[in-house]
Amino acid sequence: MGKPNVSDEFKRDAVAQITERGYPVAEVSQRLGVSQHSLYAWKRQLGRQVLGDASKDAEIGQLKRELARVTEERDILKKATAYFARDAK
């Protein structure tokens, strides 16, 4: 007996029934006709994807903060240059 191919959407929905709706793994397994082992594997797989997305979001946030700081420093230097150039004339 081969492995049935199931879509990523099916996997996400099955895992959501466990994690978000609180159904027991055994019940979801029986209702959907997949093994409990598969459900746990999908849950682990999708959890890693979410963690990967979270780390990307954290990096984007850090880069945005750094960009804001560098932009502020640039603006301060522009103002200082204009101030000192005005005094030199």
N, C-alpha and C. Protein backbone atom coordinates (compact mmCIF):
# COMPACT_ATOMS: atom_id res chain seq x y z
N MET A 1 0.85 -1.18 0.00
CA MET A 1 0.00 0.00 0.00
C MET A 1 0.89 1.24 0.00
N GLY A 2 0.73 2.13 -0.99
CA GLY A 2 1.55 3.32 -1.12
C GLY A 2 1.03 4.46 -0.26
N LYS A 3 1.84 5.52 -0.22
CA LYS A 3 1.43 6.69 0.54
C LYS A 3 0.46 7.53 -0.30
N PRO A 4 -0.68 7.88 0.27
CA PRO A 4 -1.59 8.75 -0.49
C PRO A 4 -1.04 10.17 -0.52
N ASN A 5 -1.18 10.81 -1.67
CA ASN A 5 -0.73 12.19 -1.79
C ASN A 5 -1.84 13.11 -1.30
N VAL A 6 -1.52 13.95 -0.34
CA VAL A 6 -2.48 14.90 0.17
C VAL A 6 -1.89 16.29 0.00
N SER A 7 -2.77 17.25 -0.21
CA SER A 7 -2.32 18.61 -0.47
C SER A 7 -1.85 19.28 0.82
N ASP A 8 -1.07 20.32 0.65
CA ASP A 8 -0.61 21.10 1.81
C ASP A 8 -1.79 21.74 2.54
N GLU A 9 -2.81 22.13 1.77
CA GLU A 9 -3.99 22.71 2.39
C GLU A 9 -4.70 21.70 3.29
N PHE A 10 -4.80 20.45 2.84
CA PHE A 10 -5.40 19.39 3.65
C PHE A 10 -4.61 19.20 4.94
N LYS A 11 -3.29 19.21 4.82
CA LYS A 11 -2.43 19.05 6.01
C LYS A 11 -2.64 20.20 6.98
N ARG A 12 -2.67 21.44 6.46
CA ARG A 12 -2.87 22.61 7.33
C ARG A 12 -4.22 22.55 8.02
N ASP A 13 -5.25 22.16 7.28
CA ASP A 13 -6.59 22.05 7.88
C ASP A 13 -6.63 20.97 8.96
N ALA A 14 -5.98 19.85 8.69
CA ALA A 14 -5.96 18.76 9.67
C ALA A 14 -5.24 19.20 10.94
N VAL A 15 -4.10 19.86 10.79
CA VAL A 15 -3.34 20.33 11.95
C VAL A 15 -4.12 21.42 12.68
N ALA A 16 -4.82 22.27 11.95
CA ALA A 16 -5.61 23.33 12.59
C ALA A 16 -6.72 22.74 13.46
N GLN A 17 -7.28 21.62 13.05
CA GLN A 17 -8.31 20.98 13.87
C GLN A 17 -7.75 20.56 15.22
N ILE A 18 -6.48 20.19 15.23
CA ILE A 18 -5.84 19.75 16.48
C ILE A 18 -5.39 20.95 17.30
N THR A 19 -4.69 21.87 16.66
CA THR A 19 -4.06 22.97 17.41
C THR A 19 -5.01 24.10 17.73
N GLU A 20 -5.87 24.47 16.78
CA GLU A 20 -6.72 25.64 16.98
C GLU A 20 -8.09 25.29 17.55
N ARG A 21 -8.64 24.17 17.11
CA ARG A 21 -9.99 23.81 17.55
C ARG A 21 -9.99 22.86 18.73
N GLY A 22 -8.84 22.27 19.02
CA GLY A 22 -8.71 21.43 20.21
C GLY A 22 -9.23 20.02 20.09
N TYR A 23 -9.41 19.52 18.89
CA TYR A 23 -9.85 18.14 18.74
C TYR A 23 -8.71 17.19 19.05
N PRO A 24 -9.00 16.03 19.63
CA PRO A 24 -7.95 15.04 19.90
C PRO A 24 -7.39 14.47 18.59
N VAL A 25 -6.11 14.14 18.61
CA VAL A 25 -5.45 13.60 17.43
C VAL A 25 -6.13 12.32 16.96
N ALA A 26 -6.51 11.47 17.89
CA ALA A 26 -7.14 10.20 17.53
C ALA A 26 -8.45 10.44 16.78
N GLU A 27 -9.22 11.41 17.23
CA GLU A 27 -10.50 11.69 16.58
C GLU A 27 -10.29 12.24 15.17
N VAL A 28 -9.38 13.18 15.02
CA VAL A 28 -9.09 13.77 13.70
C VAL A 28 -8.55 12.69 12.77
N SER A 29 -7.68 11.85 13.30
CA SER A 29 -7.08 10.77 12.51
C SER A 29 -8.17 9.85 11.97
N GLN A 30 -9.08 9.46 12.82
CA GLN A 30 -10.14 8.54 12.42
C GLN A 30 -11.09 9.22 11.42
N ARG A 31 -11.45 10.46 11.70
CA ARG A 31 -12.40 11.17 10.85
C ARG A 31 -11.84 11.41 9.44
N LEU A 32 -10.55 11.75 9.36
CA LEU A 32 -9.95 12.06 8.06
C LEU A 32 -9.35 10.85 7.36
N GLY A 33 -9.20 9.76 8.08
CA GLY A 33 -8.66 8.55 7.47
C GLY A 33 -7.16 8.59 7.26
N VAL A 34 -6.45 9.28 8.16
CA VAL A 34 -4.99 9.31 8.11
C VAL A 34 -4.46 8.81 9.44
N SER A 35 -3.21 8.39 9.45
CA SER A 35 -2.65 7.85 10.69
C SER A 35 -2.32 8.98 11.66
N GLN A 36 -2.31 8.63 12.93
CA GLN A 36 -1.92 9.60 13.95
C GLN A 36 -0.47 10.04 13.74
N HIS A 37 0.35 9.08 13.32
CA HIS A 37 1.76 9.38 13.05
C HIS A 37 1.87 10.48 11.99
N SER A 38 1.07 10.40 10.94
CA SER A 38 1.08 11.42 9.89
C SER A 38 0.68 12.78 10.44
N LEU A 39 -0.35 12.79 11.28
CA LEU A 39 -0.80 14.06 11.86
C LEU A 39 0.30 14.70 12.71
N TYR A 40 0.97 13.90 13.52
CA TYR A 40 2.05 14.44 14.34
C TYR A 40 3.20 14.95 13.47
N ALA A 41 3.50 14.22 12.38
CA ALA A 41 4.57 14.64 11.47
C ALA A 41 4.19 15.95 10.79
N TRP A 42 2.94 16.08 10.35
CA TRP A 42 2.49 17.32 9.71
C TRP A 42 2.54 18.48 10.70
N LYS A 43 2.15 18.22 11.92
CA LYS A 43 2.17 19.26 12.95
C LYS A 43 3.59 19.75 13.18
N ARG A 44 4.54 18.81 13.25
CA ARG A 44 5.94 19.16 13.45
C ARG A 44 6.47 19.94 12.23
N GLN A 45 6.13 19.48 11.04
CA GLN A 45 6.58 20.11 9.80
C GLN A 45 6.03 21.54 9.70
N LEU A 46 4.76 21.71 9.94
CA LEU A 46 4.15 23.03 9.84
C LEU A 46 4.64 23.95 10.96
N GLY A 47 4.96 23.40 12.12
CA GLY A 47 5.51 24.20 13.20
C GLY A 47 6.86 24.79 12.83
N ARG A 48 7.67 24.02 12.13
CA ARG A 48 8.98 24.52 11.68
C ARG A 48 8.80 25.64 10.66
N GLN A 49 7.82 25.50 9.78
CA GLN A 49 7.57 26.54 8.78
C GLN A 49 7.14 27.84 9.46
N VAL A 50 6.31 27.73 10.48
CA VAL A 50 5.86 28.92 11.21
C VAL A 50 7.03 29.57 11.93
N LEU A 51 7.90 28.74 12.53
CA LEU A 51 9.07 29.30 13.19
C LEU A 51 9.99 29.99 12.20
N GLY A 52 10.13 29.43 11.02
CA GLY A 52 10.93 30.06 9.99
C GLY A 52 10.36 31.41 9.59
N ASP A 53 9.04 31.50 9.47
CA ASP A 53 8.39 32.75 9.15
C ASP A 53 8.56 33.76 10.27
N ALA A 54 8.51 33.29 11.51
CA ALA A 54 8.67 34.18 12.66
C ALA A 54 10.08 34.77 12.69
N SER A 55 11.07 33.95 12.37
CA SER A 55 12.44 34.47 12.38
C SER A 55 12.63 35.47 11.26
N LYS A 56 11.98 35.27 10.13
CA LYS A 56 12.05 36.24 9.05
C LYS A 56 11.39 37.55 9.47
N ASP A 57 10.24 37.45 10.14
CA ASP A 57 9.55 38.64 10.61
C ASP A 57 10.41 39.40 11.62
N ALA A 58 11.09 38.68 12.50
CA ALA A 58 11.96 39.32 13.48
C ALA A 58 13.12 40.02 12.78
N GLU A 59 13.68 39.39 11.77
CA GLU A 59 14.79 40.00 11.04
C GLU A 59 14.32 41.24 10.29
N ILE A 60 13.14 41.18 9.69
CA ILE A 60 12.60 42.34 9.00
C ILE A 60 12.38 43.49 9.97
N GLY A 61 11.84 43.19 11.14
CA GLY A 61 11.64 44.23 12.15
C GLY A 61 12.95 44.85 12.60
N GLN A 62 13.97 44.02 12.81
CA GLN A 62 15.28 44.52 13.21
C GLN A 62 15.87 45.41 12.11
N LEU A 63 15.73 45.00 10.87
CA LEU A 63 16.26 45.79 9.75
C LEU A 63 15.52 47.12 9.60
N LYS A 64 14.22 47.12 9.85
CA LYS A 64 13.45 48.37 9.78
C LYS A 64 13.89 49.34 10.87
N ARG A 65 14.14 48.81 12.08
CA ARG A 65 14.62 49.68 13.16
C ARG A 65 15.99 50.26 12.83
N GLU A 66 16.86 49.42 12.28
CA GLU A 66 18.20 49.89 11.91
C GLU A 66 18.13 50.93 10.80
N LEU A 67 17.25 50.73 9.82
CA LEU A 67 17.07 51.69 8.75
C LEU A 67 16.59 53.03 9.30
N ALA A 68 15.65 53.00 10.24
CA ALA A 68 15.15 54.24 10.84
C ALA A 68 16.27 54.97 11.58
N ARG A 69 17.11 54.23 12.29
CA ARG A 69 18.22 54.85 13.02
C ARG A 69 19.22 55.48 12.05
N VAL A 70 19.56 54.77 11.01
CA VAL A 70 20.53 55.27 10.03
C VAL A 70 19.97 56.48 9.29
N THR A 71 18.68 56.45 8.97
CA THR A 71 18.04 57.58 8.30
C THR A 71 18.07 58.81 9.20
N GLU A 72 17.80 58.62 10.49
CA GLU A 72 17.84 59.73 11.44
C GLU A 72 19.26 60.30 11.54
N GLU A 73 20.26 59.43 11.60
CA GLU A 73 21.65 59.89 11.65
C GLU A 73 22.00 60.69 10.40
N ARG A 74 21.56 60.22 9.24
CA ARG A 74 21.83 60.93 7.99
C ARG A 74 21.19 62.32 8.02
N ASP A 75 19.95 62.40 8.48
CA ASP A 75 19.26 63.69 8.53
C ASP A 75 19.96 64.65 9.48
N ILE A 76 20.44 64.14 10.61
CA ILE A 76 21.18 64.99 11.55
C ILE A 76 22.45 65.51 10.90
N LEU A 77 23.16 64.65 10.20
CA LEU A 77 24.40 65.08 9.53
C LEU A 77 24.11 66.10 8.43
N LYS A 78 23.02 65.95 7.71
CA LYS A 78 22.64 66.93 6.69
C LYS A 78 22.40 68.30 7.32
N LYS A 79 21.66 68.31 8.43
CA LYS A 79 21.37 69.57 9.11
C LYS A 79 22.64 70.20 9.65
N ALA A 80 23.52 69.38 10.21
CA ALA A 80 24.79 69.90 10.74
C ALA A 80 25.63 70.48 9.61
N THR A 81 25.69 69.82 8.48
CA THR A 81 26.45 70.31 7.33
C THR A 81 25.90 71.64 6.86
N ALA A 82 24.57 71.75 6.76
CA ALA A 82 23.95 73.01 6.33
C ALA A 82 24.23 74.10 7.35
N TYR A 83 24.18 73.80 8.63
CA TYR A 83 24.44 74.79 9.68
C TYR A 83 25.87 75.31 9.61
N PHE A 84 26.84 74.42 9.49
CA PHE A 84 28.24 74.84 9.45
C PHE A 84 28.59 75.53 8.12
N ALA A 85 27.93 75.14 7.04
CA ALA A 85 28.17 75.79 5.76
C ALA A 85 27.64 77.21 5.78
N ARG A 86 26.53 77.42 6.48
CA ARG A 86 25.95 78.75 6.59
C ARG A 86 26.87 79.66 7.40
N ASP A 87 27.49 79.14 8.48
CA ASP A 87 28.39 79.92 9.31
C ASP A 87 29.70 80.25 8.61
N ALA A 88 30.09 79.41 7.69
CA ALA A 88 31.38 79.62 7.01
C ALA A 88 31.31 80.74 6.00
N LYS A 89 30.15 81.11 5.54
CA LYS A 89 30.02 82.17 4.52
C LYS A 89 30.09 83.54 5.11
